[in-house]
Amino acid sequence: MIKYSIAMGIRMVCIVLMLFVQGWWLLVCAIGAIALPYVAVVFANVQGSAVASTVVRPGAVQVSRAPRRGPGNDESGT
């Protein structure tokens, strides 16, 4: 999140500088303001190299069934 915030801060500086610069610097600031959001999202979504580890799996699956309701298991109490 810090890298994304820094990139967006630089983008805001580029946008403000576009009001004051001319020539090639205007083009550089415009490219920075347009390209930085894409670059910031890509960098924010990059994950480090995954360390090989074993997958922890749950134990055996046990099927649990509700008790049958029938004439002998009526919970109404009648």
C-alpha atoms as a PDB file:
ATOM      1  CA  MET A   1       0.000   0.000   0.000  1.00  0.00           C
ATOM      2  CA  ILE A   2       2.927   2.310   0.631  1.00  0.00           C
ATOM      3  CA  LYS A   3       4.265   1.851  -2.904  1.00  0.00           C
ATOM      4  CA  TYR A   4       0.823   2.638  -4.319  1.00  0.00           C
ATOM      5  CA  SER A   5       0.513   5.776  -2.185  1.00  0.00           C
ATOM      6  CA  ILE A   6       3.957   6.984  -3.257  1.00  0.00           C
ATOM      7  CA  ALA A   7       3.105   6.441  -6.930  1.00  0.00           C
ATOM      8  CA  MET A   8      -0.175   8.326  -6.554  1.00  0.00           C
ATOM      9  CA  GLY A   9       1.658  11.154  -4.812  1.00  0.00           C
ATOM     10  CA  ILE A  10       4.095  11.385  -7.721  1.00  0.00           C
ATOM     11  CA  ARG A  11       1.128  11.373 -10.090  1.00  0.00           C
ATOM     12  CA  MET A  12      -0.410  14.338  -8.274  1.00  0.00           C
ATOM     13  CA  VAL A  13       2.898  16.197  -8.544  1.00  0.00           C
ATOM     14  CA  CYS A  14       2.941  15.468 -12.286  1.00  0.00           C
ATOM     15  CA  ILE A  15      -0.595  16.825 -12.667  1.00  0.00           C
ATOM     16  CA  VAL A  16       0.247  20.032 -10.807  1.00  0.00           C
ATOM     17  CA  LEU A  17       3.499  20.475 -12.730  1.00  0.00           C
ATOM     18  CA  MET A  18       1.575  20.222 -16.002  1.00  0.00           C
ATOM     19  CA  LEU A  19       0.110  23.638 -15.161  1.00  0.00           C
ATOM     20  CA  PHE A  20       3.540  25.293 -14.934  1.00  0.00           C
ATOM     21  CA  VAL A  21       5.926  23.580 -17.383  1.00  0.00           C
ATOM     22  CA  GLN A  22       6.227  23.786 -21.163  1.00  0.00           C
ATOM     23  CA  GLY A  23       7.759  21.806 -23.998  1.00  0.00           C
ATOM     24  CA  TRP A  24       9.151  18.332 -23.361  1.00  0.00           C
ATOM     25  CA  TRP A  25       8.607  18.632 -19.630  1.00  0.00           C
ATOM     26  CA  LEU A  26       4.877  18.930 -20.240  1.00  0.00           C
ATOM     27  CA  LEU A  27       4.973  15.672 -22.205  1.00  0.00           C
ATOM     28  CA  VAL A  28       6.995  13.949 -19.473  1.00  0.00           C
ATOM     29  CA  CYS A  29       4.538  15.065 -16.786  1.00  0.00           C
ATOM     30  CA  ALA A  30       1.550  14.000 -18.915  1.00  0.00           C
ATOM     31  CA  ILE A  31       3.016  10.554 -19.512  1.00  0.00           C
ATOM     32  CA  GLY A  32       3.735  10.246 -15.792  1.00  0.00           C
ATOM     33  CA  ALA A  33       0.190  11.241 -14.870  1.00  0.00           C
ATOM     34  CA  ILE A  34      -1.280   8.768 -17.361  1.00  0.00           C
ATOM     35  CA  ALA A  35       1.060   5.790 -16.866  1.00  0.00           C
ATOM     36  CA  LEU A  36       1.572   5.897 -13.091  1.00  0.00           C
ATOM     37  CA  PRO A  37      -1.864   4.533 -12.113  1.00  0.00           C
ATOM     38  CA  TYR A  38      -1.283   1.403 -14.209  1.00  0.00           C
ATOM     39  CA  VAL A  39       2.232   0.922 -12.882  1.00  0.00           C
ATOM     40  CA  ALA A  40       1.087   1.511  -9.301  1.00  0.00           C
ATOM     41  CA  VAL A  41      -1.647  -1.131  -9.546  1.00  0.00           C
ATOM     42  CA  VAL A  42       0.729  -3.654 -11.097  1.00  0.00           C
ATOM     43  CA  PHE A  43       3.335  -3.072  -8.378  1.00  0.00           C
ATOM     44  CA  ALA A  44       0.691  -3.231  -5.651  1.00  0.00           C
ATOM     45  CA  ASN A  45      -0.535  -6.605  -6.903  1.00  0.00           C
ATOM     46  CA  VAL A  46       2.886  -8.214  -7.315  1.00  0.00           C
ATOM     47  CA  GLN A  47       3.586 -10.836  -4.699  1.00  0.00           C
ATOM     48  CA  GLY A  48       7.001 -11.953  -3.568  1.00  0.00           C
ATOM     49  CA  SER A  49       8.358 -15.327  -4.527  1.00  0.00           C
ATOM     50  CA  ALA A  50       6.405 -18.018  -2.777  1.00  0.00           C
ATOM     51  CA  VAL A  51       8.382 -20.210  -0.441  1.00  0.00           C
ATOM     52  CA  ALA A  52       7.734 -23.871  -1.143  1.00  0.00           C
ATOM     53  CA  SER A  53       5.776 -25.245   1.766  1.00  0.00           C
ATOM     54  CA  THR A  54       3.486 -28.137   2.408  1.00  0.00           C
ATOM     55  CA  VAL A  55      -0.207 -27.617   2.049  1.00  0.00           C
ATOM     56  CA  VAL A  56      -2.110 -28.140   5.263  1.00  0.00           C
ATOM     57  CA  ARG A  57      -5.195 -30.195   4.538  1.00  0.00           C
ATOM     58  CA  PRO A  58      -8.091 -30.828   6.875  1.00  0.00           C
ATOM     59  CA  GLY A  59      -8.684 -34.287   8.293  1.00  0.00           C
ATOM     60  CA  ALA A  60     -11.028 -36.873   6.853  1.00  0.00           C
ATOM     61  CA  VAL A  61     -14.500 -35.703   5.952  1.00  0.00           C
ATOM     62  CA  GLN A  62     -17.190 -36.962   8.313  1.00  0.00           C
ATOM     63  CA  VAL A  63     -20.791 -36.912   7.213  1.00  0.00           C
ATOM     64  CA  SER A  64     -23.119 -35.725   9.929  1.00  0.00           C
ATOM     65  CA  ARG A  65     -26.833 -36.366   9.542  1.00  0.00           C
ATOM     66  CA  ALA A  66     -29.684 -34.942  11.517  1.00  0.00           C
ATOM     67  CA  PRO A  67     -31.768 -37.500  13.394  1.00  0.00           C
ATOM     68  CA  ARG A  68     -34.744 -38.822  11.463  1.00  0.00           C
ATOM     69  CA  ARG A  69     -38.102 -37.408  12.227  1.00  0.00           C
ATOM     70  CA  GLY A  70     -40.757 -39.985  12.299  1.00  0.00           C
ATOM     71  CA  PRO A  71     -43.733 -41.082  14.327  1.00  0.00           C
ATOM     72  CA  GLY A  72     -41.455 -42.288  17.115  1.00  0.00           C
ATOM     73  CA  ASN A  73     -39.199 -39.180  17.141  1.00  0.00           C
ATOM     74  CA  ASP A  74     -41.836 -36.484  17.138  1.00  0.00           C
ATOM     75  CA  GLU A  75     -40.567 -33.456  19.064  1.00  0.00           C
ATOM     76  CA  SER A  76     -44.029 -31.943  19.561  1.00  0.00           C
ATOM     77  CA  GLY A  77     -44.451 -33.900  22.762  1.00  0.00           C
ATOM     78  CA  THR A  78     -47.869 -35.251  21.894  1.00  0.00           C
END
